Amino acid sequence: MAKTKAAGSTTLGRDSLPKYLGVKLSDGQKAQPGMVLVRQRGTQFFPGKNVKRGGDDTLYALKEGVVKFSTKRKTSFNHSQRIVKMVSVV
């Protein structure tokens, strides 16, 4: 008895679609309400002023303005500190 089908069957050729992650609007560009600023997995970028984080960690604008990237020192609950990248709409 054959282990696999005789023809038309292959174990190769299956690949996932690209997720198109990354920064969508750079520093100084104009943003409208609801526009996606950053698509990410996890929190490489944190939301700043007039920016919200979606369920899949996507950052989007709440108000019209100019995109601004900055860094900030963030303190955790166990008092450890790290520098995080913030995205704001000013």
N, C-alpha and C. Protein backbone atom coordinates (compact mmCIF):
# COMPACT_ATOMS: atom_id res chain seq x y z
N MET A 1 0.85 -1.18 0.00
CA MET A 1 0.00 0.00 0.00
C MET A 1 0.89 1.24 0.00
N ALA A 2 0.53 2.22 -0.81
CA ALA A 2 1.33 3.43 -0.94
C ALA A 2 1.19 4.30 0.31
N LYS A 3 2.30 4.94 0.65
CA LYS A 3 2.29 5.81 1.82
C LYS A 3 1.66 7.16 1.51
N THR A 4 1.87 7.68 0.28
CA THR A 4 1.29 8.95 -0.16
C THR A 4 0.52 8.71 -1.45
N LYS A 5 -0.27 9.73 -1.84
CA LYS A 5 -1.02 9.63 -3.09
C LYS A 5 -0.05 9.55 -4.27
N ALA A 6 -0.52 8.98 -5.34
CA ALA A 6 0.34 8.74 -6.49
C ALA A 6 0.74 10.05 -7.17
N ALA A 7 -0.19 10.99 -7.38
CA ALA A 7 0.12 12.21 -8.12
C ALA A 7 -0.69 13.37 -7.58
N GLY A 8 -0.16 14.58 -7.78
CA GLY A 8 -0.91 15.79 -7.41
C GLY A 8 -0.82 16.16 -5.95
N SER A 9 -0.05 15.46 -5.19
CA SER A 9 0.07 15.77 -3.77
C SER A 9 1.51 16.13 -3.46
N THR A 10 1.69 17.23 -2.78
CA THR A 10 3.04 17.64 -2.41
C THR A 10 3.05 18.11 -0.96
N THR A 11 4.17 17.91 -0.30
CA THR A 11 4.29 18.38 1.08
C THR A 11 4.86 19.79 1.14
N LEU A 12 5.27 20.32 -0.01
CA LEU A 12 5.85 21.65 -0.07
C LEU A 12 4.80 22.67 -0.51
N GLY A 13 5.19 23.95 -0.56
CA GLY A 13 4.34 24.95 -1.16
C GLY A 13 3.37 25.63 -0.22
N ARG A 14 3.41 25.34 1.06
CA ARG A 14 2.53 26.01 2.01
C ARG A 14 3.33 27.08 2.73
N ASP A 15 2.87 28.31 2.67
CA ASP A 15 3.57 29.41 3.33
C ASP A 15 2.52 30.40 3.81
N SER A 16 2.80 31.07 4.92
CA SER A 16 1.85 32.04 5.45
C SER A 16 1.99 33.36 4.70
N LEU A 17 0.91 34.11 4.67
CA LEU A 17 0.91 35.40 4.01
C LEU A 17 1.70 36.41 4.85
N PRO A 18 2.30 37.42 4.21
CA PRO A 18 3.03 38.44 4.97
C PRO A 18 2.07 39.27 5.81
N LYS A 19 2.53 39.74 6.96
CA LYS A 19 1.67 40.46 7.90
C LYS A 19 1.74 41.97 7.76
N TYR A 20 2.69 42.49 6.99
CA TYR A 20 2.81 43.92 6.71
C TYR A 20 2.93 44.74 7.99
N LEU A 21 3.83 44.33 8.87
CA LEU A 21 4.06 45.04 10.12
C LEU A 21 5.02 46.20 9.90
N GLY A 22 5.06 47.13 10.86
CA GLY A 22 6.02 48.22 10.80
C GLY A 22 5.39 49.58 10.98
N VAL A 23 6.21 50.60 10.85
CA VAL A 23 5.77 51.99 11.00
C VAL A 23 5.10 52.43 9.70
N LYS A 24 3.88 52.94 9.79
CA LYS A 24 3.12 53.34 8.61
C LYS A 24 3.21 54.84 8.34
N LEU A 25 3.31 55.67 9.39
CA LEU A 25 3.49 57.11 9.23
C LEU A 25 4.74 57.51 10.00
N SER A 26 5.63 58.24 9.36
CA SER A 26 6.87 58.62 10.03
C SER A 26 6.74 59.98 10.69
N ASP A 27 7.80 60.39 11.37
CA ASP A 27 7.83 61.62 12.15
C ASP A 27 7.59 62.83 11.25
N GLY A 28 6.65 63.69 11.65
CA GLY A 28 6.37 64.91 10.90
C GLY A 28 5.24 64.79 9.90
N GLN A 29 4.73 63.58 9.65
CA GLN A 29 3.63 63.41 8.71
C GLN A 29 2.30 63.70 9.40
N LYS A 30 1.31 64.13 8.61
CA LYS A 30 -0.02 64.45 9.15
C LYS A 30 -0.82 63.17 9.32
N ALA A 31 -1.57 63.10 10.43
CA ALA A 31 -2.41 61.94 10.72
C ALA A 31 -3.85 62.38 10.90
N GLN A 32 -4.76 61.60 10.37
CA GLN A 32 -6.20 61.82 10.55
C GLN A 32 -6.69 60.86 11.64
N PRO A 33 -7.84 61.14 12.26
CA PRO A 33 -8.38 60.23 13.28
C PRO A 33 -8.63 58.84 12.70
N GLY A 34 -8.15 57.82 13.39
CA GLY A 34 -8.33 56.43 12.96
C GLY A 34 -7.23 55.89 12.09
N MET A 35 -6.30 56.73 11.67
CA MET A 35 -5.21 56.25 10.81
C MET A 35 -4.25 55.37 11.61
N VAL A 36 -3.80 54.29 10.99
CA VAL A 36 -2.85 53.38 11.62
C VAL A 36 -1.46 54.01 11.56
N LEU A 37 -0.81 54.11 12.73
CA LEU A 37 0.53 54.67 12.80
C LEU A 37 1.59 53.58 12.79
N VAL A 38 1.38 52.52 13.59
CA VAL A 38 2.34 51.42 13.69
C VAL A 38 1.57 50.11 13.80
N ARG A 39 1.96 49.14 12.98
CA ARG A 39 1.47 47.76 13.16
C ARG A 39 2.60 46.97 13.78
N GLN A 40 2.31 46.26 14.89
CA GLN A 40 3.37 45.59 15.63
C GLN A 40 2.83 44.36 16.34
N ARG A 41 3.73 43.48 16.71
CA ARG A 41 3.42 42.35 17.58
C ARG A 41 4.13 42.63 18.90
N GLY A 42 3.39 42.76 19.99
CA GLY A 42 3.98 43.19 21.24
C GLY A 42 4.03 44.70 21.27
N THR A 43 4.82 45.26 22.18
CA THR A 43 4.87 46.72 22.31
C THR A 43 6.29 47.22 22.09
N GLN A 44 6.72 47.28 20.82
CA GLN A 44 7.97 47.93 20.50
C GLN A 44 7.80 49.45 20.65
N PHE A 45 6.60 49.94 20.28
CA PHE A 45 6.25 51.35 20.43
C PHE A 45 5.08 51.46 21.39
N PHE A 46 5.12 52.48 22.26
CA PHE A 46 4.05 52.70 23.23
C PHE A 46 3.20 53.89 22.78
N PRO A 47 1.90 53.88 23.08
CA PRO A 47 1.05 55.01 22.70
C PRO A 47 1.32 56.23 23.57
N GLY A 48 1.39 57.39 22.94
CA GLY A 48 1.56 58.64 23.66
C GLY A 48 0.28 59.45 23.62
N LYS A 49 0.41 60.77 23.48
CA LYS A 49 -0.74 61.66 23.47
C LYS A 49 -1.54 61.48 22.18
N ASN A 50 -2.87 61.37 22.32
CA ASN A 50 -3.82 61.23 21.20
C ASN A 50 -3.57 59.97 20.37
N VAL A 51 -3.02 58.93 20.99
CA VAL A 51 -2.78 57.64 20.32
C VAL A 51 -3.32 56.54 21.21
N LYS A 52 -4.00 55.55 20.61
CA LYS A 52 -4.53 54.40 21.34
C LYS A 52 -3.93 53.13 20.78
N ARG A 53 -3.94 52.08 21.61
CA ARG A 53 -3.43 50.77 21.21
C ARG A 53 -4.60 49.81 21.00
N GLY A 54 -4.64 49.17 19.85
CA GLY A 54 -5.71 48.23 19.53
C GLY A 54 -5.47 46.86 20.15
N GLY A 55 -6.38 45.95 19.90
CA GLY A 55 -6.30 44.61 20.46
C GLY A 55 -5.13 43.81 19.96
N ASP A 56 -4.67 44.08 18.73
CA ASP A 56 -3.50 43.39 18.19
C ASP A 56 -2.25 44.26 18.30
N ASP A 57 -2.24 45.19 19.27
CA ASP A 57 -1.11 46.09 19.58
C ASP A 57 -0.86 47.14 18.50
N THR A 58 -1.81 47.32 17.58
CA THR A 58 -1.69 48.36 16.56
C THR A 58 -1.92 49.72 17.20
N LEU A 59 -1.08 50.70 16.85
CA LEU A 59 -1.25 52.06 17.34
C LEU A 59 -1.96 52.89 16.28
N TYR A 60 -3.01 53.63 16.70
CA TYR A 60 -3.77 54.45 15.77
C TYR A 60 -4.06 55.81 16.37
N ALA A 61 -4.28 56.80 15.51
CA ALA A 61 -4.48 58.18 15.94
C ALA A 61 -5.91 58.40 16.41
N LEU A 62 -6.06 59.23 17.45
CA LEU A 62 -7.38 59.61 17.94
C LEU A 62 -7.82 60.96 17.40
N LYS A 63 -6.87 61.85 17.14
CA LYS A 63 -7.18 63.19 16.68
C LYS A 63 -6.30 63.53 15.48
N GLU A 64 -6.67 64.61 14.79
CA GLU A 64 -5.89 65.09 13.67
C GLU A 64 -4.67 65.83 14.19
N GLY A 65 -3.52 65.63 13.57
CA GLY A 65 -2.30 66.31 13.98
C GLY A 65 -1.09 65.77 13.28
N VAL A 66 0.08 66.06 13.85
CA VAL A 66 1.36 65.65 13.27
C VAL A 66 1.96 64.55 14.15
N VAL A 67 2.49 63.50 13.52
CA VAL A 67 3.07 62.37 14.24
C VAL A 67 4.41 62.77 14.83
N LYS A 68 4.63 62.40 16.08
CA LYS A 68 5.88 62.73 16.78
C LYS A 68 6.39 61.47 17.49
N PHE A 69 7.65 61.09 17.22
CA PHE A 69 8.29 59.96 17.88
C PHE A 69 9.23 60.50 18.96
N SER A 70 9.25 59.86 20.12
CA SER A 70 10.13 60.29 21.20
C SER A 70 10.47 59.08 22.06
N THR A 71 11.40 59.27 22.99
CA THR A 71 11.74 58.23 23.96
C THR A 71 11.42 58.72 25.36
N LYS A 72 11.13 57.77 26.24
CA LYS A 72 10.75 58.10 27.61
C LYS A 72 11.23 56.98 28.53
N ARG A 73 11.62 57.34 29.73
CA ARG A 73 12.02 56.35 30.72
C ARG A 73 10.78 55.83 31.42
N LYS A 74 10.54 54.53 31.36
CA LYS A 74 9.33 53.93 31.94
C LYS A 74 9.72 53.06 33.12
N THR A 75 9.03 53.26 34.25
CA THR A 75 9.28 52.49 35.47
C THR A 75 8.25 51.38 35.57
N SER A 76 8.70 50.16 35.80
CA SER A 76 7.83 49.01 35.94
C SER A 76 7.37 48.88 37.39
N PHE A 77 6.50 47.91 37.64
CA PHE A 77 5.96 47.72 38.99
C PHE A 77 7.03 47.26 39.98
N ASN A 78 8.05 46.56 39.48
CA ASN A 78 9.12 46.11 40.38
C ASN A 78 10.26 47.13 40.42
N HIS A 79 9.97 48.38 40.03
CA HIS A 79 10.90 49.52 40.07
C HIS A 79 12.08 49.38 39.12
N SER A 80 12.01 48.45 38.17
CA SER A 80 13.05 48.42 37.13
C SER A 80 12.66 49.43 36.06
N GLN A 81 13.66 50.03 35.43
CA GLN A 81 13.40 51.06 34.43
C GLN A 81 13.91 50.62 33.07
N ARG A 82 13.24 51.10 32.03
CA ARG A 82 13.70 50.89 30.66
C ARG A 82 13.28 52.07 29.82
N ILE A 83 13.98 52.27 28.73
CA ILE A 83 13.66 53.37 27.82
C ILE A 83 12.74 52.82 26.74
N VAL A 84 11.57 53.47 26.56
CA VAL A 84 10.59 53.02 25.58
C VAL A 84 10.42 54.08 24.50
N LYS A 85 10.03 53.64 23.31
CA LYS A 85 9.75 54.54 22.19
C LYS A 85 8.27 54.88 22.21
N MET A 86 7.96 56.18 22.20
CA MET A 86 6.58 56.65 22.27
C MET A 86 6.18 57.26 20.93
N VAL A 87 4.91 57.07 20.57
CA VAL A 87 4.35 57.69 19.36
C VAL A 87 3.19 58.58 19.81
N SER A 88 3.25 59.86 19.44
CA SER A 88 2.22 60.82 19.80
C SER A 88 1.72 61.53 18.55
N VAL A 89 0.51 62.08 18.66
CA VAL A 89 -0.03 62.95 17.63
C VAL A 89 -0.28 64.29 18.27
N VAL A 90 0.47 65.31 17.83
CA VAL A 90 0.39 66.64 18.45
C VAL A 90 -0.23 67.62 17.49
